[in-house]
Amino acid sequence: NVFRGCHDLLNRPGASLIAITAGQAV
């Protein structure tokens, strides 16, 4: 929801999205 919600605002070269994940993912 965070990433989808901000996509249209950030859809330009240089935009960067970062998600915090965890070691439990692997």
mmCIF file of all heavy atoms, coordinates in Angstrom:
data_MODEL
# 
_entry.id   MODEL 
# 
loop_
_atom_site.group_PDB 
_atom_site.id 
_atom_site.type_symbol 
_atom_site.label_atom_id 
_atom_site.label_alt_id 
_atom_site.label_comp_id 
_atom_site.label_asym_id 
_atom_site.label_entity_id 
_atom_site.label_seq_id 
_atom_site.pdbx_PDB_ins_code 
_atom_site.Cartn_x 
_atom_site.Cartn_y 
_atom_site.Cartn_z 
_atom_site.occupancy 
_atom_site.B_iso_or_equiv 
_atom_site.pdbx_formal_charge 
_atom_site.auth_seq_id 
_atom_site.auth_comp_id 
_atom_site.auth_asym_id 
_atom_site.auth_atom_id 
_atom_site.pdbx_PDB_model_num 
ATOM 1   N N   . ASN A 1 1  ? 0.818  -1.220  0.000   1.00 0.00 ? 1  ASN A N   1 
ATOM 2   C CA  . ASN A 1 1  ? 0.000  0.000   0.000   1.00 0.00 ? 1  ASN A CA  1 
ATOM 3   C C   . ASN A 1 1  ? 0.851  1.269   0.000   1.00 0.00 ? 1  ASN A C   1 
ATOM 4   O O   . ASN A 1 1  ? 0.531  2.229   -0.705  1.00 0.00 ? 1  ASN A O   1 
ATOM 5   C CB  . ASN A 1 1  ? -0.961 0.003   1.182   1.00 0.00 ? 1  ASN A CB  1 
ATOM 6   C CG  . ASN A 1 1  ? -2.108 -0.962  1.004   1.00 0.00 ? 1  ASN A CG  1 
ATOM 7   O OD1 . ASN A 1 1  ? -2.475 -1.322  -0.113  1.00 0.00 ? 1  ASN A OD1 1 
ATOM 8   N ND2 . ASN A 1 1  ? -2.669 -1.408  2.113   1.00 0.00 ? 1  ASN A ND2 1 
ATOM 9   N N   . VAL A 1 2  ? 1.931  1.282   0.766   1.00 0.00 ? 2  VAL A N   1 
ATOM 10  C CA  . VAL A 1 2  ? 2.820  2.452   0.784   1.00 0.00 ? 2  VAL A CA  1 
ATOM 11  C C   . VAL A 1 2  ? 3.424  2.657   -0.598  1.00 0.00 ? 2  VAL A C   1 
ATOM 12  O O   . VAL A 1 2  ? 3.405  3.760   -1.150  1.00 0.00 ? 2  VAL A O   1 
ATOM 13  C CB  . VAL A 1 2  ? 3.921  2.300   1.857   1.00 0.00 ? 2  VAL A CB  1 
ATOM 14  C CG1 . VAL A 1 2  ? 5.029  3.338   1.675   1.00 0.00 ? 2  VAL A CG1 1 
ATOM 15  C CG2 . VAL A 1 2  ? 3.323  2.409   3.252   1.00 0.00 ? 2  VAL A CG2 1 
ATOM 16  N N   . PHE A 1 3  ? 3.979  1.603   -1.175  1.00 0.00 ? 3  PHE A N   1 
ATOM 17  C CA  . PHE A 1 3  ? 4.645  1.731   -2.471  1.00 0.00 ? 3  PHE A CA  1 
ATOM 18  C C   . PHE A 1 3  ? 3.649  2.053   -3.582  1.00 0.00 ? 3  PHE A C   1 
ATOM 19  O O   . PHE A 1 3  ? 3.905  2.919   -4.413  1.00 0.00 ? 3  PHE A O   1 
ATOM 20  C CB  . PHE A 1 3  ? 5.427  0.463   -2.806  1.00 0.00 ? 3  PHE A CB  1 
ATOM 21  C CG  . PHE A 1 3  ? 6.714  0.318   -2.036  1.00 0.00 ? 3  PHE A CG  1 
ATOM 22  C CD1 . PHE A 1 3  ? 7.127  1.262   -1.116  1.00 0.00 ? 3  PHE A CD1 1 
ATOM 23  C CD2 . PHE A 1 3  ? 7.519  -0.779  -2.233  1.00 0.00 ? 3  PHE A CD2 1 
ATOM 24  C CE1 . PHE A 1 3  ? 8.318  1.132   -0.410  1.00 0.00 ? 3  PHE A CE1 1 
ATOM 25  C CE2 . PHE A 1 3  ? 8.715  -0.925  -1.549  1.00 0.00 ? 3  PHE A CE2 1 
ATOM 26  C CZ  . PHE A 1 3  ? 9.108  0.031   -0.636  1.00 0.00 ? 3  PHE A CZ  1 
ATOM 27  N N   . ARG A 1 4  ? 2.519  1.381   -3.607  1.00 0.00 ? 4  ARG A N   1 
ATOM 28  C CA  . ARG A 1 4  ? 1.522  1.641   -4.642  1.00 0.00 ? 4  ARG A CA  1 
ATOM 29  C C   . ARG A 1 4  ? 0.976  3.055   -4.498  1.00 0.00 ? 4  ARG A C   1 
ATOM 30  O O   . ARG A 1 4  ? 0.778  3.767   -5.473  1.00 0.00 ? 4  ARG A O   1 
ATOM 31  C CB  . ARG A 1 4  ? 0.376  0.611   -4.554  1.00 0.00 ? 4  ARG A CB  1 
ATOM 32  C CG  . ARG A 1 4  ? -0.735 0.808   -5.563  1.00 0.00 ? 4  ARG A CG  1 
ATOM 33  C CD  . ARG A 1 4  ? -0.192 0.663   -6.985  1.00 0.00 ? 4  ARG A CD  1 
ATOM 34  N NE  . ARG A 1 4  ? -1.185 1.031   -7.963  1.00 0.00 ? 4  ARG A NE  1 
ATOM 35  C CZ  . ARG A 1 4  ? -1.278 2.240   -8.541  1.00 0.00 ? 4  ARG A CZ  1 
ATOM 36  N NH1 . ARG A 1 4  ? -0.452 3.202   -8.210  1.00 0.00 ? 4  ARG A NH1 1 
ATOM 37  N NH2 . ARG A 1 4  ? -2.187 2.477   -9.448  1.00 0.00 ? 4  ARG A NH2 1 
ATOM 38  N N   . GLY A 1 5  ? 0.764  3.480   -3.268  1.00 0.00 ? 5  GLY A N   1 
ATOM 39  C CA  . GLY A 1 5  ? 0.210  4.802   -3.025  1.00 0.00 ? 5  GLY A CA  1 
ATOM 40  C C   . GLY A 1 5  ? 1.116  5.939   -3.436  1.00 0.00 ? 5  GLY A C   1 
ATOM 41  O O   . GLY A 1 5  ? 0.642  7.019   -3.817  1.00 0.00 ? 5  GLY A O   1 
ATOM 42  N N   . CYS A 1 6  ? 2.419  5.732   -3.398  1.00 0.00 ? 6  CYS A N   1 
ATOM 43  C CA  . CYS A 1 6  ? 3.344  6.823   -3.744  1.00 0.00 ? 6  CYS A CA  1 
ATOM 44  C C   . CYS A 1 6  ? 3.879  6.711   -5.170  1.00 0.00 ? 6  CYS A C   1 
ATOM 45  O O   . CYS A 1 6  ? 4.557  7.630   -5.638  1.00 0.00 ? 6  CYS A O   1 
ATOM 46  C CB  . CYS A 1 6  ? 4.489  6.895   -2.748  1.00 0.00 ? 6  CYS A CB  1 
ATOM 47  S SG  . CYS A 1 6  ? 5.641  5.529   -2.861  1.00 0.00 ? 6  CYS A SG  1 
ATOM 48  N N   . HIS A 1 7  ? 3.582  5.629   -5.872  1.00 0.00 ? 7  HIS A N   1 
ATOM 49  C CA  . HIS A 1 7  ? 4.147  5.425   -7.204  1.00 0.00 ? 7  HIS A CA  1 
ATOM 50  C C   . HIS A 1 7  ? 3.882  6.605   -8.140  1.00 0.00 ? 7  HIS A C   1 
ATOM 51  O O   . HIS A 1 7  ? 4.796  7.110   -8.792  1.00 0.00 ? 7  HIS A O   1 
ATOM 52  C CB  . HIS A 1 7  ? 3.638  4.138   -7.835  1.00 0.00 ? 7  HIS A CB  1 
ATOM 53  C CG  . HIS A 1 7  ? 4.132  3.943   -9.229  1.00 0.00 ? 7  HIS A CG  1 
ATOM 54  N ND1 . HIS A 1 7  ? 3.437  4.404   -10.328 1.00 0.00 ? 7  HIS A ND1 1 
ATOM 55  C CD2 . HIS A 1 7  ? 5.268  3.391   -9.706  1.00 0.00 ? 7  HIS A CD2 1 
ATOM 56  C CE1 . HIS A 1 7  ? 4.119  4.127   -11.419 1.00 0.00 ? 7  HIS A CE1 1 
ATOM 57  N NE2 . HIS A 1 7  ? 5.232  3.508   -11.070 1.00 0.00 ? 7  HIS A NE2 1 
ATOM 58  N N   . ASP A 1 8  ? 2.655  7.035   -8.240  1.00 0.00 ? 8  ASP A N   1 
ATOM 59  C CA  . ASP A 1 8  ? 2.326  8.102   -9.192  1.00 0.00 ? 8  ASP A CA  1 
ATOM 60  C C   . ASP A 1 8  ? 3.029  9.409   -8.858  1.00 0.00 ? 8  ASP A C   1 
ATOM 61  O O   . ASP A 1 8  ? 3.350  10.190  -9.751  1.00 0.00 ? 8  ASP A O   1 
ATOM 62  C CB  . ASP A 1 8  ? 0.811  8.313   -9.264  1.00 0.00 ? 8  ASP A CB  1 
ATOM 63  C CG  . ASP A 1 8  ? 0.103  7.113   -9.898  1.00 0.00 ? 8  ASP A CG  1 
ATOM 64  O OD1 . ASP A 1 8  ? 0.793  6.290   -10.547 1.00 0.00 ? 8  ASP A OD1 1 
ATOM 65  O OD2 . ASP A 1 8  ? -1.113 6.998   -9.723  1.00 0.00 ? 8  ASP A OD2 1 
ATOM 66  N N   . LEU A 1 9  ? 3.305  9.637   -7.586  1.00 0.00 ? 9  LEU A N   1 
ATOM 67  C CA  . LEU A 1 9  ? 4.021  10.852  -7.181  1.00 0.00 ? 9  LEU A CA  1 
ATOM 68  C C   . LEU A 1 9  ? 5.506  10.773  -7.497  1.00 0.00 ? 9  LEU A C   1 
ATOM 69  O O   . LEU A 1 9  ? 6.156  11.789  -7.705  1.00 0.00 ? 9  LEU A O   1 
ATOM 70  C CB  . LEU A 1 9  ? 3.843  11.103  -5.685  1.00 0.00 ? 9  LEU A CB  1 
ATOM 71  C CG  . LEU A 1 9  ? 2.415  11.362  -5.210  1.00 0.00 ? 9  LEU A CG  1 
ATOM 72  C CD1 . LEU A 1 9  ? 2.365  11.386  -3.691  1.00 0.00 ? 9  LEU A CD1 1 
ATOM 73  C CD2 . LEU A 1 9  ? 1.899  12.669  -5.796  1.00 0.00 ? 9  LEU A CD2 1 
ATOM 74  N N   . LEU A 1 10 ? 6.041  9.548   -7.493  1.00 0.00 ? 10 LEU A N   1 
ATOM 75  C CA  . LEU A 1 10 ? 7.485  9.362   -7.641  1.00 0.00 ? 10 LEU A CA  1 
ATOM 76  C C   . LEU A 1 10 ? 7.913  8.815   -8.990  1.00 0.00 ? 10 LEU A C   1 
ATOM 77  O O   . LEU A 1 10 ? 9.092  8.591   -9.213  1.00 0.00 ? 10 LEU A O   1 
ATOM 78  C CB  . LEU A 1 10 ? 7.992  8.396   -6.565  1.00 0.00 ? 10 LEU A CB  1 
ATOM 79  C CG  . LEU A 1 10 ? 7.850  8.869   -5.135  1.00 0.00 ? 10 LEU A CG  1 
ATOM 80  C CD1 . LEU A 1 10 ? 8.249  7.754   -4.191  1.00 0.00 ? 10 LEU A CD1 1 
ATOM 81  C CD2 . LEU A 1 10 ? 8.691  10.103  -4.885  1.00 0.00 ? 10 LEU A CD2 1 
ATOM 82  N N   . ASN A 1 11 ? 7.006  8.560   -9.880  1.00 0.00 ? 11 ASN A N   1 
ATOM 83  C CA  . ASN A 1 11 ? 7.323  7.906   -11.140 1.00 0.00 ? 11 ASN A CA  1 
ATOM 84  C C   . ASN A 1 11 ? 8.144  8.821   -12.054 1.00 0.00 ? 11 ASN A C   1 
ATOM 85  O O   . ASN A 1 11 ? 7.648  9.395   -13.008 1.00 0.00 ? 11 ASN A O   1 
ATOM 86  C CB  . ASN A 1 11 ? 6.040  7.455   -11.836 1.00 0.00 ? 11 ASN A CB  1 
ATOM 87  C CG  . ASN A 1 11 ? 6.327  6.555   -13.019 1.00 0.00 ? 11 ASN A CG  1 
ATOM 88  O OD1 . ASN A 1 11 ? 7.431  6.049   -13.168 1.00 0.00 ? 11 ASN A OD1 1 
ATOM 89  N ND2 . ASN A 1 11 ? 5.336  6.358   -13.854 1.00 0.00 ? 11 ASN A ND2 1 
ATOM 90  N N   . ARG A 1 12 ? 9.429  8.932   -11.706 1.00 0.00 ? 12 ARG A N   1 
ATOM 91  C CA  . ARG A 1 12 ? 10.370 9.725   -12.503 1.00 0.00 ? 12 ARG A CA  1 
ATOM 92  C C   . ARG A 1 12 ? 11.784 9.205   -12.221 1.00 0.00 ? 12 ARG A C   1 
ATOM 93  O O   . ARG A 1 12 ? 12.031 8.614   -11.171 1.00 0.00 ? 12 ARG A O   1 
ATOM 94  C CB  . ARG A 1 12 ? 10.242 11.199  -12.175 1.00 0.00 ? 12 ARG A CB  1 
ATOM 95  C CG  . ARG A 1 12 ? 10.562 11.560  -10.744 1.00 0.00 ? 12 ARG A CG  1 
ATOM 96  C CD  . ARG A 1 12 ? 10.351 13.067  -10.514 1.00 0.00 ? 12 ARG A CD  1 
ATOM 97  N NE  . ARG A 1 12 ? 10.597 13.412  -9.151  1.00 0.00 ? 12 ARG A NE  1 
ATOM 98  C CZ  . ARG A 1 12 ? 9.684  13.356  -8.180  1.00 0.00 ? 12 ARG A CZ  1 
ATOM 99  N NH1 . ARG A 1 12 ? 8.466  12.955  -8.428  1.00 0.00 ? 12 ARG A NH1 1 
ATOM 100 N NH2 . ARG A 1 12 ? 9.998  13.703  -6.955  1.00 0.00 ? 12 ARG A NH2 1 
ATOM 101 N N   . PRO A 1 13 ? 12.701 9.429   -13.146 1.00 0.00 ? 13 PRO A N   1 
ATOM 102 C CA  . PRO A 1 13 ? 14.069 8.923   -12.950 1.00 0.00 ? 13 PRO A CA  1 
ATOM 103 C C   . PRO A 1 13 ? 14.672 9.405   -11.632 1.00 0.00 ? 13 PRO A C   1 
ATOM 104 O O   . PRO A 1 13 ? 14.517 10.563  -11.250 1.00 0.00 ? 13 PRO A O   1 
ATOM 105 C CB  . PRO A 1 13 ? 14.819 9.504   -14.154 1.00 0.00 ? 13 PRO A CB  1 
ATOM 106 C CG  . PRO A 1 13 ? 13.760 9.671   -15.205 1.00 0.00 ? 13 PRO A CG  1 
ATOM 107 C CD  . PRO A 1 13 ? 12.517 10.080  -14.436 1.00 0.00 ? 13 PRO A CD  1 
ATOM 108 N N   . GLY A 1 14 ? 15.308 8.495   -10.949 1.00 0.00 ? 14 GLY A N   1 
ATOM 109 C CA  . GLY A 1 14 ? 15.969 8.810   -9.683  1.00 0.00 ? 14 GLY A CA  1 
ATOM 110 C C   . GLY A 1 14 ? 15.150 8.469   -8.459  1.00 0.00 ? 14 GLY A C   1 
ATOM 111 O O   . GLY A 1 14 ? 15.666 8.488   -7.345  1.00 0.00 ? 14 GLY A O   1 
ATOM 112 N N   . ALA A 1 15 ? 13.878 8.141   -8.641  1.00 0.00 ? 15 ALA A N   1 
ATOM 113 C CA  . ALA A 1 15 ? 13.044 7.797   -7.490  1.00 0.00 ? 15 ALA A CA  1 
ATOM 114 C C   . ALA A 1 15 ? 13.533 6.489   -6.878  1.00 0.00 ? 15 ALA A C   1 
ATOM 115 O O   . ALA A 1 15 ? 13.970 5.578   -7.573  1.00 0.00 ? 15 ALA A O   1 
ATOM 116 C CB  . ALA A 1 15 ? 11.588 7.674   -7.906  1.00 0.00 ? 15 ALA A CB  1 
ATOM 117 N N   . SER A 1 16 ? 13.435 6.406   -5.555  1.00 0.00 ? 16 SER A N   1 
ATOM 118 C CA  . SER A 1 16 ? 13.930 5.235   -4.841  1.00 0.00 ? 16 SER A CA  1 
ATOM 119 C C   . SER A 1 16 ? 12.954 4.850   -3.735  1.00 0.00 ? 16 SER A C   1 
ATOM 120 O O   . SER A 1 16 ? 12.586 5.684   -2.919  1.00 0.00 ? 16 SER A O   1 
ATOM 121 C CB  . SER A 1 16 ? 15.310 5.543   -4.232  1.00 0.00 ? 16 SER A CB  1 
ATOM 122 O OG  . SER A 1 16 ? 15.786 4.443   -3.508  1.00 0.00 ? 16 SER A OG  1 
ATOM 123 N N   . LEU A 1 17 ? 12.558 3.593   -3.752  1.00 0.00 ? 17 LEU A N   1 
ATOM 124 C CA  . LEU A 1 17 ? 11.705 3.041   -2.705  1.00 0.00 ? 17 LEU A CA  1 
ATOM 125 C C   . LEU A 1 17 ? 12.501 1.988   -1.953  1.00 0.00 ? 17 LEU A C   1 
ATOM 126 O O   . LEU A 1 17 ? 13.207 1.179   -2.574  1.00 0.00 ? 17 LEU A O   1 
ATOM 127 C CB  . LEU A 1 17 ? 10.456 2.395   -3.301  1.00 0.00 ? 17 LEU A CB  1 
ATOM 128 C CG  . LEU A 1 17 ? 9.561  3.275   -4.171  1.00 0.00 ? 17 LEU A CG  1 
ATOM 129 C CD1 . LEU A 1 17 ? 8.422  2.452   -4.741  1.00 0.00 ? 17 LEU A CD1 1 
ATOM 130 C CD2 . LEU A 1 17 ? 9.041  4.441   -3.389  1.00 0.00 ? 17 LEU A CD2 1 
ATOM 131 N N   . ILE A 1 18 ? 12.381 1.981   -0.638  1.00 0.00 ? 18 ILE A N   1 
ATOM 132 C CA  . ILE A 1 18 ? 13.091 1.008   0.193   1.00 0.00 ? 18 ILE A CA  1 
ATOM 133 C C   . ILE A 1 18 ? 12.104 0.392   1.173   1.00 0.00 ? 18 ILE A C   1 
ATOM 134 O O   . ILE A 1 18 ? 11.380 1.108   1.871   1.00 0.00 ? 18 ILE A O   1 
ATOM 135 C CB  . ILE A 1 18 ? 14.238 1.668   0.984   1.00 0.00 ? 18 ILE A CB  1 
ATOM 136 C CG1 . ILE A 1 18 ? 15.253 2.295   0.036   1.00 0.00 ? 18 ILE A CG1 1 
ATOM 137 C CG2 . ILE A 1 18 ? 14.915 0.644   1.899   1.00 0.00 ? 18 ILE A CG2 1 
ATOM 138 C CD1 . ILE A 1 18 ? 16.278 3.160   0.738   1.00 0.00 ? 18 ILE A CD1 1 
ATOM 139 N N   . ALA A 1 19 ? 12.090 -0.929  1.227   1.00 0.00 ? 19 ALA A N   1 
ATOM 140 C CA  . ALA A 1 19 ? 11.291 -1.648  2.216   1.00 0.00 ? 19 ALA A CA  1 
ATOM 141 C C   . ALA A 1 19 ? 12.234 -2.252  3.246   1.00 0.00 ? 19 ALA A C   1 
ATOM 142 O O   . ALA A 1 19 ? 13.284 -2.807  2.885   1.00 0.00 ? 19 ALA A O   1 
ATOM 143 C CB  . ALA A 1 19 ? 10.476 -2.752  1.553   1.00 0.00 ? 19 ALA A CB  1 
ATOM 144 N N   . ILE A 1 20 ? 11.853 -2.150  4.501   1.00 0.00 ? 20 ILE A N   1 
ATOM 145 C CA  . ILE A 1 20 ? 12.599 -2.844  5.542   1.00 0.00 ? 20 ILE A CA  1 
ATOM 146 C C   . ILE A 1 20 ? 12.035 -4.257  5.630   1.00 0.00 ? 20 ILE A C   1 
ATOM 147 O O   . ILE A 1 20 ? 10.839 -4.459  5.812   1.00 0.00 ? 20 ILE A O   1 
ATOM 148 C CB  . ILE A 1 20 ? 12.489 -2.129  6.901   1.00 0.00 ? 20 ILE A CB  1 
ATOM 149 C CG1 . ILE A 1 20 ? 13.002 -0.687  6.799   1.00 0.00 ? 20 ILE A CG1 1 
ATOM 150 C CG2 . ILE A 1 20 ? 13.250 -2.918  7.975   1.00 0.00 ? 20 ILE A CG2 1 
ATOM 151 C CD1 . ILE A 1 20 ? 14.462 -0.533  6.419   1.00 0.00 ? 20 ILE A CD1 1 
ATOM 152 N N   . THR A 1 21 ? 12.912 -5.229  5.464   1.00 0.00 ? 21 THR A N   1 
ATOM 153 C CA  . THR A 1 21 ? 12.530 -6.631  5.544   1.00 0.00 ? 21 THR A CA  1 
ATOM 154 C C   . THR A 1 21 ? 13.260 -7.228  6.747   1.00 0.00 ? 21 THR A C   1 
ATOM 155 O O   . THR A 1 21 ? 13.571 -6.509  7.690   1.00 0.00 ? 21 THR A O   1 
ATOM 156 C CB  . THR A 1 21 ? 12.810 -7.336  4.196   1.00 0.00 ? 21 THR A CB  1 
ATOM 157 O OG1 . THR A 1 21 ? 12.367 -8.684  4.281   1.00 0.00 ? 21 THR A OG1 1 
ATOM 158 C CG2 . THR A 1 21 ? 14.243 -7.250  3.762   1.00 0.00 ? 21 THR A CG2 1 
ATOM 159 N N   . ALA A 1 22 ? 13.541 -8.508  6.741   1.00 0.00 ? 22 ALA A N   1 
ATOM 160 C CA  . ALA A 1 22 ? 14.223 -9.128  7.880   1.00 0.00 ? 22 ALA A CA  1 
ATOM 161 C C   . ALA A 1 22 ? 14.833 -10.451 7.452   1.00 0.00 ? 22 ALA A C   1 
ATOM 162 O O   . ALA A 1 22 ? 14.428 -11.040 6.444   1.00 0.00 ? 22 ALA A O   1 
ATOM 163 C CB  . ALA A 1 22 ? 13.237 -9.360  9.026   1.00 0.00 ? 22 ALA A CB  1 
ATOM 164 N N   . GLY A 1 23 ? 15.782 -10.909 8.239   1.00 0.00 ? 23 GLY A N   1 
ATOM 165 C CA  . GLY A 1 23 ? 16.422 -12.189 7.973   1.00 0.00 ? 23 GLY A CA  1 
ATOM 166 C C   . GLY A 1 23 ? 15.451 -13.357 7.956   1.00 0.00 ? 23 GLY A C   1 
ATOM 167 O O   . GLY A 1 23 ? 15.701 -14.374 7.309   1.00 0.00 ? 23 GLY A O   1 
ATOM 168 N N   . GLN A 1 24 ? 14.302 -13.195 8.645   1.00 0.00 ? 24 GLN A N   1 
ATOM 169 C CA  . GLN A 1 24 ? 13.296 -14.248 8.650   1.00 0.00 ? 24 GLN A CA  1 
ATOM 170 C C   . GLN A 1 24 ? 12.734 -14.503 7.254   1.00 0.00 ? 24 GLN A C   1 
ATOM 171 O O   . GLN A 1 24 ? 12.093 -15.519 7.028   1.00 0.00 ? 24 GLN A O   1 
ATOM 172 C CB  . GLN A 1 24 ? 12.121 -13.893 9.582   1.00 0.00 ? 24 GLN A CB  1 
ATOM 173 C CG  . GLN A 1 24 ? 12.470 -13.896 11.039  1.00 0.00 ? 24 GLN A CG  1 
ATOM 174 C CD  . GLN A 1 24 ? 12.831 -12.503 11.520  1.00 0.00 ? 24 GLN A CD  1 
ATOM 175 O OE1 . GLN A 1 24 ? 13.471 -11.728 10.829  1.00 0.00 ? 24 GLN A OE1 1 
ATOM 176 N NE2 . GLN A 1 24 ? 12.443 -12.191 12.736  1.00 0.00 ? 24 GLN A NE2 1 
ATOM 177 N N   . ALA A 1 25 ? 12.966 -13.610 6.322   1.00 0.00 ? 25 ALA A N   1 
ATOM 178 C CA  . ALA A 1 25 ? 12.500 -13.814 4.950   1.00 0.00 ? 25 ALA A CA  1 
ATOM 179 C C   . ALA A 1 25 ? 13.199 -14.997 4.294   1.00 0.00 ? 25 ALA A C   1 
ATOM 180 O O   . ALA A 1 25 ? 12.637 -15.647 3.419   1.00 0.00 ? 25 ALA A O   1 
ATOM 181 C CB  . ALA A 1 25 ? 12.731 -12.553 4.115   1.00 0.00 ? 25 ALA A CB  1 
ATOM 182 N N   . VAL A 1 26 ? 14.422 -15.274 4.711   1.00 0.00 ? 26 VAL A N   1 
ATOM 183 C CA  . VAL A 1 26 ? 15.193 -16.357 4.094   1.00 0.00 ? 26 VAL A CA  1 
ATOM 184 C C   . VAL A 1 26 ? 15.626 -17.429 5.092   1.00 0.00 ? 26 VAL A C   1 
ATOM 185 O O   . VAL A 1 26 ? 16.009 -18.522 4.688   1.00 0.00 ? 26 VAL A O   1 
ATOM 186 C CB  . VAL A 1 26 ? 16.432 -15.813 3.339   1.00 0.00 ? 26 VAL A CB  1 
ATOM 187 C CG1 . VAL A 1 26 ? 16.012 -14.990 2.146   1.00 0.00 ? 26 VAL A CG1 1 
ATOM 188 C CG2 . VAL A 1 26 ? 17.327 -15.010 4.246   1.00 0.00 ? 26 VAL A CG2 1 
# 
